[in-house]
C-alpha cells in the first residue's frame, strides 16, 4: 500500500491514482478485484484490498483532482466510507461530504461495482461500464467516474476522469487520487 503521510496530517492509504494515462483502466472484474498498475505511478489497489482496509471500522475517503489548464487541485472528503465484500459486489457506502470539489459521490452511494464484464448498474438495457469505458459504482450512469478513459487534453467527455458537480460539466481532469484513513 502506498501511504500519504503529508496530506491533512497523513495516515492515508492511497488506493487509486491517475496521472498520465500510462495504465489502461478499461479492465475486467478480476483486475479490479485484485488490483493493477504500479504504486509509484498509476494504479488501482484492488477491491478486495480496499474492502480489507475499510471493513469493520469508520473511515474517511479523500478524493483529490487536478485540472489541466491551471493546475488547480480540488478535493472532496467523505467522513463515511466503506466498501462491501465480493458477496455484495463491493457495494459502496459513502457520505458526509466536505471540501472544495462539490459532492459527486451522492449518486453512487449504495451502488455495486461494475466492470466491462460484470454489469451491476441499475440500467436494464445498458452497461455504463462499457458505454463509458470505465469501471465504477454506477447507478444509471454517473456524475463521477475516476476510472474512465485518460485524455491528454481538457476535453468535455463523460467517458473520462470526471467529477460533474465541480463545474456542472464533464470536463476531464489530468490527475486523480483516492485514499482512505481510519476516523479517530
N, C-alpha and C. Protein backbone atom coordinates (compact mmCIF):
# COMPACT_ATOMS: atom_id res chain seq x y z
N UNK A 1 0.84 -1.18 0.00
CA UNK A 1 0.00 0.00 0.00
C UNK A 1 0.88 1.24 0.00
N UNK A 2 0.52 2.22 -0.83
CA UNK A 2 1.21 3.50 -0.84
C UNK A 2 0.55 4.39 0.22
N UNK A 3 1.35 4.92 1.14
CA UNK A 3 0.82 5.76 2.22
C UNK A 3 1.18 7.21 1.99
N UNK A 4 0.19 8.08 2.10
CA UNK A 4 0.38 9.52 2.03
C UNK A 4 0.47 10.03 3.46
N UNK A 5 1.66 10.45 3.86
CA UNK A 5 1.88 10.94 5.22
C UNK A 5 1.95 12.46 5.27
N UNK A 6 1.62 13.13 4.16
CA UNK A 6 1.71 14.58 4.08
C UNK A 6 0.35 15.28 4.16
N UNK A 7 -0.61 14.80 3.42
CA UNK A 7 -1.90 15.48 3.27
C UNK A 7 -2.69 15.48 4.57
N UNK A 8 -3.08 16.66 5.03
CA UNK A 8 -4.01 16.81 6.15
C UNK A 8 -3.66 15.90 7.34
N UNK A 9 -2.41 15.92 7.75
CA UNK A 9 -1.99 15.13 8.90
C UNK A 9 -1.53 13.72 8.60
N UNK A 10 -1.62 13.29 7.33
CA UNK A 10 -1.12 11.98 6.93
C UNK A 10 -1.99 10.82 7.35
N UNK A 11 -1.45 9.62 7.19
CA UNK A 11 -2.17 8.41 7.55
C UNK A 11 -3.11 7.88 6.49
N UNK A 12 -2.95 8.33 5.24
CA UNK A 12 -3.84 7.92 4.16
C UNK A 12 -3.27 6.72 3.41
N UNK A 13 -4.08 5.72 3.16
CA UNK A 13 -3.73 4.60 2.28
C UNK A 13 -4.31 4.92 0.91
N UNK A 14 -3.44 5.15 -0.07
CA UNK A 14 -3.88 5.51 -1.42
C UNK A 14 -4.29 4.23 -2.15
N UNK A 15 -5.49 4.25 -2.75
CA UNK A 15 -5.94 3.06 -3.47
C UNK A 15 -6.23 3.28 -4.94
N UNK A 16 -6.13 4.53 -5.41
CA UNK A 16 -6.29 4.80 -6.83
C UNK A 16 -5.50 6.05 -7.18
N UNK A 17 -4.79 5.99 -8.33
CA UNK A 17 -4.12 7.19 -8.83
C UNK A 17 -4.11 7.16 -10.36
N UNK A 18 -4.45 8.31 -10.94
CA UNK A 18 -4.36 8.53 -12.39
C UNK A 18 -3.55 9.79 -12.59
N UNK A 19 -2.57 9.76 -13.51
CA UNK A 19 -1.74 10.94 -13.71
C UNK A 19 -1.21 11.14 -15.12
N UNK A 20 -1.17 10.10 -15.94
CA UNK A 20 -0.58 10.28 -17.26
C UNK A 20 -1.13 9.35 -18.34
N UNK A 21 -2.03 8.47 -18.00
CA UNK A 21 -2.60 7.55 -18.97
C UNK A 21 -1.72 6.36 -19.30
N UNK A 22 -0.69 6.12 -18.52
CA UNK A 22 0.25 5.02 -18.80
C UNK A 22 -0.33 3.65 -18.50
N UNK A 23 -1.41 3.58 -17.72
CA UNK A 23 -2.05 2.31 -17.38
C UNK A 23 -3.48 2.32 -17.91
N UNK A 24 -3.86 1.27 -18.61
CA UNK A 24 -5.21 1.14 -19.14
C UNK A 24 -6.15 0.72 -18.01
N UNK A 25 -7.17 1.54 -17.74
CA UNK A 25 -8.13 1.26 -16.68
C UNK A 25 -9.42 0.61 -17.21
N UNK A 26 -9.52 0.40 -18.51
CA UNK A 26 -10.70 -0.27 -19.07
C UNK A 26 -10.45 -1.78 -18.99
N UNK A 27 -10.74 -2.33 -17.82
CA UNK A 27 -10.35 -3.70 -17.48
C UNK A 27 -11.53 -4.53 -16.99
N UNK A 28 -11.22 -5.76 -16.67
CA UNK A 28 -12.23 -6.74 -16.28
C UNK A 28 -12.35 -6.85 -14.76
N UNK A 29 -13.41 -7.56 -14.32
CA UNK A 29 -13.71 -7.73 -12.90
C UNK A 29 -12.51 -8.25 -12.12
N UNK A 30 -11.86 -9.29 -12.59
CA UNK A 30 -10.73 -9.89 -11.86
C UNK A 30 -9.62 -8.87 -11.64
N UNK A 31 -9.37 -8.01 -12.63
CA UNK A 31 -8.34 -6.97 -12.48
C UNK A 31 -8.71 -5.99 -11.38
N UNK A 32 -9.97 -5.55 -11.38
CA UNK A 32 -10.40 -4.59 -10.36
C UNK A 32 -10.49 -5.24 -8.98
N UNK A 33 -10.76 -6.51 -8.93
CA UNK A 33 -10.81 -7.19 -7.64
C UNK A 33 -9.39 -7.34 -7.06
N UNK A 34 -8.43 -7.68 -7.89
CA UNK A 34 -7.08 -7.98 -7.42
C UNK A 34 -6.12 -6.80 -7.46
N UNK A 35 -6.40 -5.81 -8.30
CA UNK A 35 -5.54 -4.64 -8.43
C UNK A 35 -4.61 -4.73 -9.62
N UNK A 36 -4.11 -3.56 -10.04
CA UNK A 36 -3.22 -3.49 -11.19
C UNK A 36 -2.47 -2.15 -11.17
N UNK A 37 -1.44 -2.06 -11.99
CA UNK A 37 -0.65 -0.84 -12.09
C UNK A 37 0.58 -0.89 -11.20
N UNK A 38 1.14 0.31 -10.95
CA UNK A 38 2.37 0.46 -10.20
C UNK A 38 2.17 1.50 -9.11
N UNK A 39 2.47 1.17 -7.87
CA UNK A 39 2.21 2.07 -6.74
C UNK A 39 2.94 3.41 -6.85
N UNK A 40 3.99 3.49 -7.66
CA UNK A 40 4.69 4.77 -7.83
C UNK A 40 4.14 5.57 -9.00
N UNK A 41 3.18 5.01 -9.72
CA UNK A 41 2.56 5.70 -10.85
C UNK A 41 1.05 5.54 -10.79
N UNK A 42 0.48 5.09 -11.90
CA UNK A 42 -0.97 4.87 -11.96
C UNK A 42 -1.30 3.47 -11.46
N UNK A 43 -2.36 3.39 -10.64
CA UNK A 43 -2.73 2.07 -10.14
C UNK A 43 -4.13 2.06 -9.55
N UNK A 44 -4.65 0.86 -9.39
CA UNK A 44 -5.86 0.54 -8.64
C UNK A 44 -5.45 -0.56 -7.67
N UNK A 45 -5.59 -0.33 -6.38
CA UNK A 45 -5.11 -1.27 -5.37
C UNK A 45 -5.82 -2.61 -5.41
N UNK A 46 -7.10 -2.60 -5.69
CA UNK A 46 -7.89 -3.84 -5.74
C UNK A 46 -9.05 -3.76 -4.77
N UNK A 47 -10.24 -4.10 -5.24
CA UNK A 47 -11.45 -4.04 -4.42
C UNK A 47 -11.33 -4.90 -3.18
N UNK A 48 -10.74 -6.08 -3.30
CA UNK A 48 -10.61 -6.95 -2.13
C UNK A 48 -9.72 -6.31 -1.07
N UNK A 49 -8.68 -5.61 -1.48
CA UNK A 49 -7.80 -4.93 -0.53
C UNK A 49 -8.48 -3.69 0.06
N UNK A 50 -9.21 -2.95 -0.77
CA UNK A 50 -9.93 -1.77 -0.26
C UNK A 50 -10.96 -2.21 0.77
N UNK A 51 -11.64 -3.32 0.49
CA UNK A 51 -12.59 -3.87 1.47
C UNK A 51 -11.88 -4.16 2.79
N UNK A 52 -10.73 -4.81 2.72
CA UNK A 52 -9.97 -5.14 3.95
C UNK A 52 -9.56 -3.88 4.71
N UNK A 53 -9.21 -2.82 3.97
CA UNK A 53 -8.83 -1.56 4.61
C UNK A 53 -9.99 -0.88 5.32
N UNK A 54 -11.22 -1.11 4.83
CA UNK A 54 -12.37 -0.34 5.34
C UNK A 54 -13.32 -1.14 6.21
N UNK A 55 -13.26 -2.46 6.19
CA UNK A 55 -14.28 -3.25 6.89
C UNK A 55 -14.20 -3.09 8.40
N UNK A 56 -15.37 -3.05 9.02
CA UNK A 56 -15.47 -3.07 10.46
C UNK A 56 -14.96 -1.84 11.18
N UNK A 57 -14.86 -0.73 10.48
CA UNK A 57 -14.38 0.49 11.13
C UNK A 57 -14.93 1.72 10.41
N UNK A 58 -14.79 2.86 11.05
CA UNK A 58 -15.23 4.13 10.48
C UNK A 58 -14.06 4.77 9.73
N UNK A 59 -14.31 5.18 8.48
CA UNK A 59 -13.25 5.68 7.61
C UNK A 59 -13.65 6.96 6.90
N UNK A 60 -12.63 7.70 6.48
CA UNK A 60 -12.81 8.87 5.62
C UNK A 60 -12.18 8.59 4.26
N UNK A 61 -12.92 8.93 3.21
CA UNK A 61 -12.42 8.89 1.84
C UNK A 61 -12.00 10.30 1.46
N UNK A 62 -10.84 10.44 0.85
CA UNK A 62 -10.42 11.72 0.29
C UNK A 62 -10.15 11.52 -1.20
N UNK A 63 -10.75 12.37 -2.02
CA UNK A 63 -10.54 12.38 -3.46
C UNK A 63 -9.85 13.68 -3.81
N UNK A 64 -8.73 13.60 -4.52
CA UNK A 64 -8.04 14.79 -4.99
C UNK A 64 -8.03 14.78 -6.51
N UNK A 65 -8.31 15.93 -7.10
CA UNK A 65 -8.38 16.08 -8.55
C UNK A 65 -7.60 17.32 -8.96
N UNK A 66 -6.93 17.23 -10.11
CA UNK A 66 -6.19 18.39 -10.61
C UNK A 66 -6.64 18.68 -12.04
N UNK A 67 -6.91 19.97 -12.28
CA UNK A 67 -7.33 20.42 -13.59
C UNK A 67 -6.15 20.50 -14.55
N UNK A 68 -6.42 20.46 -15.84
CA UNK A 68 -5.39 20.59 -16.86
C UNK A 68 -4.84 22.01 -16.97
N UNK A 69 -5.73 22.97 -17.17
CA UNK A 69 -5.30 24.30 -17.61
C UNK A 69 -4.53 25.10 -16.57
N UNK A 70 -4.94 25.04 -15.32
CA UNK A 70 -4.33 25.93 -14.33
C UNK A 70 -3.72 25.17 -13.15
N UNK A 71 -3.68 23.85 -13.24
CA UNK A 71 -3.09 23.01 -12.18
C UNK A 71 -3.74 23.20 -10.82
N UNK A 72 -4.96 23.72 -10.78
CA UNK A 72 -5.68 23.83 -9.52
C UNK A 72 -6.02 22.43 -9.03
N UNK A 73 -5.75 22.18 -7.75
CA UNK A 73 -6.11 20.91 -7.13
C UNK A 73 -7.31 21.15 -6.21
N UNK A 74 -8.32 20.34 -6.38
CA UNK A 74 -9.52 20.40 -5.55
C UNK A 74 -9.65 19.07 -4.81
N UNK A 75 -10.47 19.06 -3.76
CA UNK A 75 -10.62 17.80 -3.02
C UNK A 75 -12.04 17.66 -2.50
N UNK A 76 -12.37 16.42 -2.24
CA UNK A 76 -13.63 16.07 -1.58
C UNK A 76 -13.31 15.05 -0.52
N UNK A 77 -13.82 15.27 0.69
CA UNK A 77 -13.68 14.29 1.76
C UNK A 77 -15.06 13.80 2.16
N UNK A 78 -15.12 12.51 2.49
CA UNK A 78 -16.36 11.87 2.91
C UNK A 78 -16.09 11.15 4.21
N UNK A 79 -16.76 11.59 5.27
CA UNK A 79 -16.49 11.05 6.62
C UNK A 79 -17.08 9.65 6.82
N UNK A 80 -17.87 9.19 5.87
CA UNK A 80 -18.41 7.82 5.89
C UNK A 80 -17.99 7.13 4.60
N UNK A 81 -17.16 6.10 4.74
CA UNK A 81 -16.68 5.37 3.56
C UNK A 81 -16.36 3.93 3.92
N UNK A 82 -17.02 3.03 3.22
CA UNK A 82 -16.74 1.60 3.33
C UNK A 82 -17.05 0.94 1.99
N UNK A 83 -16.38 -0.17 1.75
CA UNK A 83 -16.62 -0.99 0.57
C UNK A 83 -17.00 -2.38 1.07
N UNK A 84 -18.11 -2.91 0.57
CA UNK A 84 -18.53 -4.26 0.93
C UNK A 84 -17.57 -5.31 0.37
N UNK A 85 -17.90 -6.56 0.59
CA UNK A 85 -17.04 -7.65 0.11
C UNK A 85 -17.52 -8.15 -1.26
N UNK A 86 -16.87 -9.19 -1.74
CA UNK A 86 -17.20 -9.75 -3.05
C UNK A 86 -18.65 -10.23 -3.12
N UNK A 87 -19.20 -10.72 -2.01
CA UNK A 87 -20.59 -11.18 -1.99
C UNK A 87 -21.58 -10.05 -2.24
N UNK A 88 -21.20 -8.82 -1.93
CA UNK A 88 -22.05 -7.65 -2.18
C UNK A 88 -21.65 -6.93 -3.46
N UNK A 89 -20.72 -7.53 -4.21
CA UNK A 89 -20.14 -6.91 -5.40
C UNK A 89 -19.53 -5.56 -5.05
N UNK A 90 -18.89 -5.53 -3.87
CA UNK A 90 -18.13 -4.37 -3.38
C UNK A 90 -18.99 -3.11 -3.35
N UNK A 91 -20.16 -3.24 -2.74
CA UNK A 91 -21.09 -2.12 -2.61
C UNK A 91 -20.43 -0.95 -1.89
N UNK A 92 -20.66 0.24 -2.42
CA UNK A 92 -20.09 1.48 -1.90
C UNK A 92 -21.00 2.09 -0.84
N UNK A 93 -20.41 2.47 0.28
CA UNK A 93 -21.10 3.27 1.29
C UNK A 93 -20.30 4.54 1.47
N UNK A 94 -20.89 5.68 1.11
CA UNK A 94 -20.16 6.94 1.14
C UNK A 94 -21.11 8.09 1.47
N UNK A 95 -20.64 9.03 2.31
CA UNK A 95 -21.44 10.19 2.68
C UNK A 95 -20.66 11.10 3.60
N UNK A 96 -21.27 12.20 4.01
CA UNK A 96 -20.62 13.15 4.90
C UNK A 96 -19.61 14.02 4.18
N UNK A 97 -20.03 14.64 3.07
CA UNK A 97 -19.13 15.42 2.22
C UNK A 97 -18.64 16.70 2.89
N UNK A 98 -17.37 17.04 2.61
CA UNK A 98 -16.80 18.37 2.84
C UNK A 98 -15.69 18.56 1.81
N UNK A 99 -15.32 19.81 1.54
CA UNK A 99 -14.22 20.05 0.61
C UNK A 99 -14.48 21.16 -0.38
N UNK A 100 -13.67 21.18 -1.45
CA UNK A 100 -13.73 22.23 -2.47
C UNK A 100 -14.23 21.73 -3.82
N UNK A 101 -14.44 20.43 -3.96
CA UNK A 101 -14.76 19.84 -5.26
C UNK A 101 -16.25 19.66 -5.51
N UNK A 102 -17.08 19.89 -4.53
CA UNK A 102 -18.51 19.57 -4.57
C UNK A 102 -18.70 18.05 -4.48
N UNK A 103 -19.90 17.63 -4.14
CA UNK A 103 -20.17 16.21 -3.89
C UNK A 103 -20.66 15.54 -5.17
N UNK A 104 -19.79 14.79 -5.80
CA UNK A 104 -20.19 14.00 -6.96
C UNK A 104 -20.34 12.52 -6.64
N UNK A 105 -20.33 12.16 -5.37
CA UNK A 105 -20.47 10.75 -4.99
C UNK A 105 -21.88 10.41 -4.51
N UNK A 106 -22.73 11.41 -4.31
CA UNK A 106 -24.07 11.17 -3.75
C UNK A 106 -24.85 10.15 -4.58
N UNK A 107 -24.70 10.18 -5.88
CA UNK A 107 -25.44 9.29 -6.77
C UNK A 107 -24.95 7.84 -6.67
N UNK A 108 -23.73 7.66 -6.19
CA UNK A 108 -23.10 6.34 -6.22
C UNK A 108 -23.19 5.59 -4.90
N UNK A 109 -23.64 6.28 -3.85
CA UNK A 109 -23.81 5.64 -2.54
C UNK A 109 -24.77 4.46 -2.65
N UNK A 110 -24.38 3.32 -2.12
CA UNK A 110 -25.23 2.13 -2.15
C UNK A 110 -25.14 1.31 -3.42
N UNK A 111 -24.30 1.73 -4.36
CA UNK A 111 -24.21 1.03 -5.64
C UNK A 111 -23.14 -0.06 -5.61
N UNK A 112 -23.37 -1.08 -6.42
CA UNK A 112 -22.41 -2.16 -6.58
C UNK A 112 -21.42 -1.78 -7.69
N UNK A 113 -20.23 -2.34 -7.62
CA UNK A 113 -19.19 -2.02 -8.59
C UNK A 113 -19.49 -2.71 -9.92
N UNK A 114 -19.22 -2.02 -11.02
CA UNK A 114 -19.44 -2.56 -12.36
C UNK A 114 -18.16 -2.47 -13.19
N UNK A 115 -17.92 -3.51 -13.97
CA UNK A 115 -16.82 -3.52 -14.93
C UNK A 115 -17.38 -3.92 -16.29
N UNK A 116 -16.54 -3.92 -17.29
CA UNK A 116 -16.98 -4.24 -18.65
C UNK A 116 -17.57 -5.65 -18.76
N UNK A 117 -17.15 -6.56 -17.86
CA UNK A 117 -17.66 -7.93 -17.92
C UNK A 117 -18.57 -8.29 -16.75
N UNK A 118 -18.91 -7.32 -15.90
CA UNK A 118 -19.80 -7.57 -14.76
C UNK A 118 -20.64 -6.32 -14.52
N UNK A 119 -21.79 -6.26 -15.17
CA UNK A 119 -22.66 -5.08 -15.17
C UNK A 119 -23.60 -5.12 -13.97
N UNK A 120 -23.37 -4.22 -13.00
CA UNK A 120 -24.20 -4.17 -11.80
C UNK A 120 -24.94 -2.84 -11.63
N UNK A 121 -24.95 -2.01 -12.67
CA UNK A 121 -25.69 -0.75 -12.56
C UNK A 121 -27.19 -1.03 -12.63
N UNK A 122 -28.00 0.02 -12.45
CA UNK A 122 -29.45 -0.17 -12.39
C UNK A 122 -30.14 -0.14 -13.75
N UNK A 123 -29.38 0.17 -14.80
CA UNK A 123 -29.97 0.20 -16.14
C UNK A 123 -30.12 -1.20 -16.71
N UNK A 124 -31.35 -1.62 -17.04
CA UNK A 124 -31.56 -2.99 -17.50
C UNK A 124 -31.03 -3.27 -18.91
N UNK A 125 -30.93 -2.25 -19.74
CA UNK A 125 -30.58 -2.46 -21.15
C UNK A 125 -29.27 -1.81 -21.57
N UNK A 126 -28.52 -1.29 -20.62
CA UNK A 126 -27.31 -0.55 -20.97
C UNK A 126 -26.25 -0.79 -19.90
N UNK A 127 -25.04 -1.09 -20.31
CA UNK A 127 -23.93 -1.24 -19.37
C UNK A 127 -23.16 0.06 -19.32
N UNK A 128 -23.23 0.75 -18.19
CA UNK A 128 -22.50 2.01 -18.03
C UNK A 128 -21.00 1.80 -18.14
N UNK A 129 -20.48 0.69 -17.62
CA UNK A 129 -19.04 0.43 -17.67
C UNK A 129 -18.55 0.29 -19.11
N UNK A 130 -19.35 -0.34 -19.96
CA UNK A 130 -18.98 -0.44 -21.38
C UNK A 130 -19.22 0.89 -22.08
N UNK A 131 -20.39 1.48 -21.87
CA UNK A 131 -20.73 2.73 -22.55
C UNK A 131 -19.82 3.88 -22.21
N UNK A 132 -19.27 3.88 -21.00
CA UNK A 132 -18.39 4.97 -20.57
C UNK A 132 -16.95 4.52 -20.38
N UNK A 133 -16.63 3.35 -20.88
CA UNK A 133 -15.26 2.80 -20.91
C UNK A 133 -14.51 2.93 -19.59
N UNK A 134 -15.19 2.56 -18.51
CA UNK A 134 -14.52 2.59 -17.21
C UNK A 134 -15.34 1.90 -16.14
N UNK A 135 -14.67 1.29 -15.19
CA UNK A 135 -15.33 0.61 -14.08
C UNK A 135 -15.62 1.60 -12.96
N UNK A 136 -16.78 1.41 -12.27
CA UNK A 136 -17.17 2.35 -11.21
C UNK A 136 -18.40 1.82 -10.50
N UNK A 137 -18.81 2.55 -9.48
CA UNK A 137 -20.06 2.25 -8.76
C UNK A 137 -21.20 2.99 -9.45
N UNK A 138 -21.56 2.53 -10.63
CA UNK A 138 -22.57 3.20 -11.45
C UNK A 138 -23.97 2.96 -10.90
N UNK A 139 -24.79 4.00 -11.04
CA UNK A 139 -26.22 3.87 -10.81
C UNK A 139 -26.87 3.74 -12.17
N UNK A 140 -26.96 4.84 -12.89
CA UNK A 140 -27.51 4.81 -14.25
C UNK A 140 -27.38 6.14 -14.96
N UNK A 141 -26.23 6.72 -15.22
CA UNK A 141 -24.90 6.12 -15.06
C UNK A 141 -24.07 6.84 -13.98
N UNK A 142 -23.63 8.10 -14.19
CA UNK A 142 -22.72 8.66 -13.20
C UNK A 142 -22.65 10.19 -13.24
N UNK A 143 -22.22 10.74 -12.10
CA UNK A 143 -21.77 12.14 -12.02
C UNK A 143 -20.31 12.18 -11.59
N UNK A 144 -19.76 11.02 -11.28
CA UNK A 144 -18.32 10.89 -11.02
C UNK A 144 -17.88 9.55 -11.58
N UNK A 145 -16.69 9.53 -12.16
CA UNK A 145 -16.01 8.29 -12.52
C UNK A 145 -14.54 8.62 -12.67
N UNK A 146 -13.73 8.06 -11.80
CA UNK A 146 -12.30 8.34 -11.83
C UNK A 146 -11.51 7.22 -12.50
N UNK A 147 -12.21 6.21 -12.98
CA UNK A 147 -11.55 5.09 -13.67
C UNK A 147 -11.86 5.08 -15.16
N UNK A 148 -12.30 6.20 -15.70
CA UNK A 148 -12.62 6.28 -17.11
C UNK A 148 -11.37 6.44 -17.97
N UNK A 149 -11.61 6.71 -19.22
CA UNK A 149 -10.54 6.88 -20.20
C UNK A 149 -9.67 8.09 -19.83
N UNK A 150 -8.35 7.98 -20.02
CA UNK A 150 -7.46 9.11 -19.76
C UNK A 150 -7.30 9.91 -21.04
N UNK A 151 -7.64 11.20 -20.97
CA UNK A 151 -7.45 12.11 -22.10
C UNK A 151 -6.25 13.00 -21.81
N UNK A 152 -5.49 13.34 -22.83
CA UNK A 152 -4.28 14.15 -22.68
C UNK A 152 -4.57 15.65 -22.70
N UNK A 153 -5.80 16.02 -22.99
CA UNK A 153 -6.20 17.43 -23.02
C UNK A 153 -7.55 17.57 -22.31
N UNK A 154 -7.91 18.79 -21.90
CA UNK A 154 -9.13 19.00 -21.12
C UNK A 154 -10.41 19.02 -21.95
N UNK A 155 -10.78 17.88 -22.51
CA UNK A 155 -12.00 17.78 -23.31
C UNK A 155 -13.22 17.59 -22.40
N UNK A 156 -14.39 17.90 -22.92
CA UNK A 156 -15.65 17.66 -22.22
C UNK A 156 -16.16 16.30 -22.70
N UNK A 157 -15.93 15.25 -21.89
CA UNK A 157 -16.27 13.90 -22.32
C UNK A 157 -16.60 13.05 -21.10
N UNK A 158 -17.83 12.57 -21.01
CA UNK A 158 -18.28 11.79 -19.86
C UNK A 158 -17.57 10.45 -19.74
N UNK A 159 -16.80 10.05 -20.73
CA UNK A 159 -16.05 8.79 -20.67
C UNK A 159 -14.71 8.95 -19.98
N UNK A 160 -14.36 10.16 -19.56
CA UNK A 160 -13.05 10.41 -18.97
C UNK A 160 -13.05 10.35 -17.46
N UNK A 161 -12.01 10.95 -16.87
CA UNK A 161 -11.88 11.10 -15.42
C UNK A 161 -12.70 12.33 -15.06
N UNK A 162 -13.90 12.11 -14.55
CA UNK A 162 -14.87 13.20 -14.40
C UNK A 162 -15.42 13.30 -12.99
N UNK A 163 -15.81 14.53 -12.65
CA UNK A 163 -16.41 14.88 -11.35
C UNK A 163 -17.40 15.99 -11.66
N UNK A 164 -18.57 15.62 -12.12
CA UNK A 164 -19.54 16.53 -12.73
C UNK A 164 -19.90 17.73 -11.86
N UNK A 165 -20.14 17.53 -10.60
CA UNK A 165 -20.69 18.59 -9.75
C UNK A 165 -19.73 19.76 -9.54
N UNK A 166 -18.46 19.60 -9.82
CA UNK A 166 -17.49 20.69 -9.62
C UNK A 166 -17.82 21.88 -10.51
N UNK A 167 -17.96 21.67 -11.80
CA UNK A 167 -18.28 22.76 -12.73
C UNK A 167 -19.55 22.49 -13.53
N UNK A 168 -20.33 21.49 -13.11
CA UNK A 168 -21.56 21.11 -13.81
C UNK A 168 -21.29 20.76 -15.27
N UNK A 169 -20.16 20.05 -15.50
CA UNK A 169 -19.84 19.55 -16.83
C UNK A 169 -18.94 18.33 -16.69
N UNK A 170 -18.65 17.71 -17.81
CA UNK A 170 -17.81 16.52 -17.83
C UNK A 170 -16.42 16.82 -18.39
N UNK A 171 -15.88 18.01 -18.11
CA UNK A 171 -14.51 18.30 -18.50
C UNK A 171 -13.59 17.41 -17.67
N UNK A 172 -12.71 16.71 -18.34
CA UNK A 172 -11.88 15.69 -17.69
C UNK A 172 -10.75 16.33 -16.87
N UNK A 173 -10.29 15.59 -15.88
CA UNK A 173 -9.17 16.01 -15.04
C UNK A 173 -7.90 15.29 -15.47
N UNK A 174 -6.75 15.91 -15.19
CA UNK A 174 -5.48 15.29 -15.56
C UNK A 174 -4.91 14.43 -14.44
N UNK A 175 -5.42 14.57 -13.22
CA UNK A 175 -4.91 13.81 -12.08
C UNK A 175 -6.06 13.48 -11.15
N UNK A 176 -6.06 12.26 -10.65
CA UNK A 176 -7.00 11.89 -9.59
C UNK A 176 -6.29 10.95 -8.63
N UNK A 177 -6.69 11.06 -7.37
CA UNK A 177 -6.18 10.15 -6.35
C UNK A 177 -7.28 9.91 -5.34
N UNK A 178 -7.46 8.65 -4.97
CA UNK A 178 -8.44 8.27 -3.95
C UNK A 178 -7.67 7.62 -2.81
N UNK A 179 -7.99 8.02 -1.58
CA UNK A 179 -7.29 7.49 -0.42
C UNK A 179 -8.22 7.40 0.76
N UNK A 180 -7.86 6.54 1.71
CA UNK A 180 -8.71 6.27 2.87
C UNK A 180 -7.86 6.30 4.13
N UNK A 181 -8.48 6.75 5.22
CA UNK A 181 -7.85 6.60 6.53
C UNK A 181 -8.94 6.40 7.57
N UNK A 182 -8.54 5.78 8.64
CA UNK A 182 -9.45 5.49 9.74
C UNK A 182 -9.84 6.78 10.45
N UNK A 183 -11.12 6.89 10.82
CA UNK A 183 -11.57 8.03 11.61
C UNK A 183 -11.14 7.85 13.06
N UNK A 184 -10.86 8.96 13.73
CA UNK A 184 -10.46 8.90 15.15
C UNK A 184 -11.65 8.63 16.04
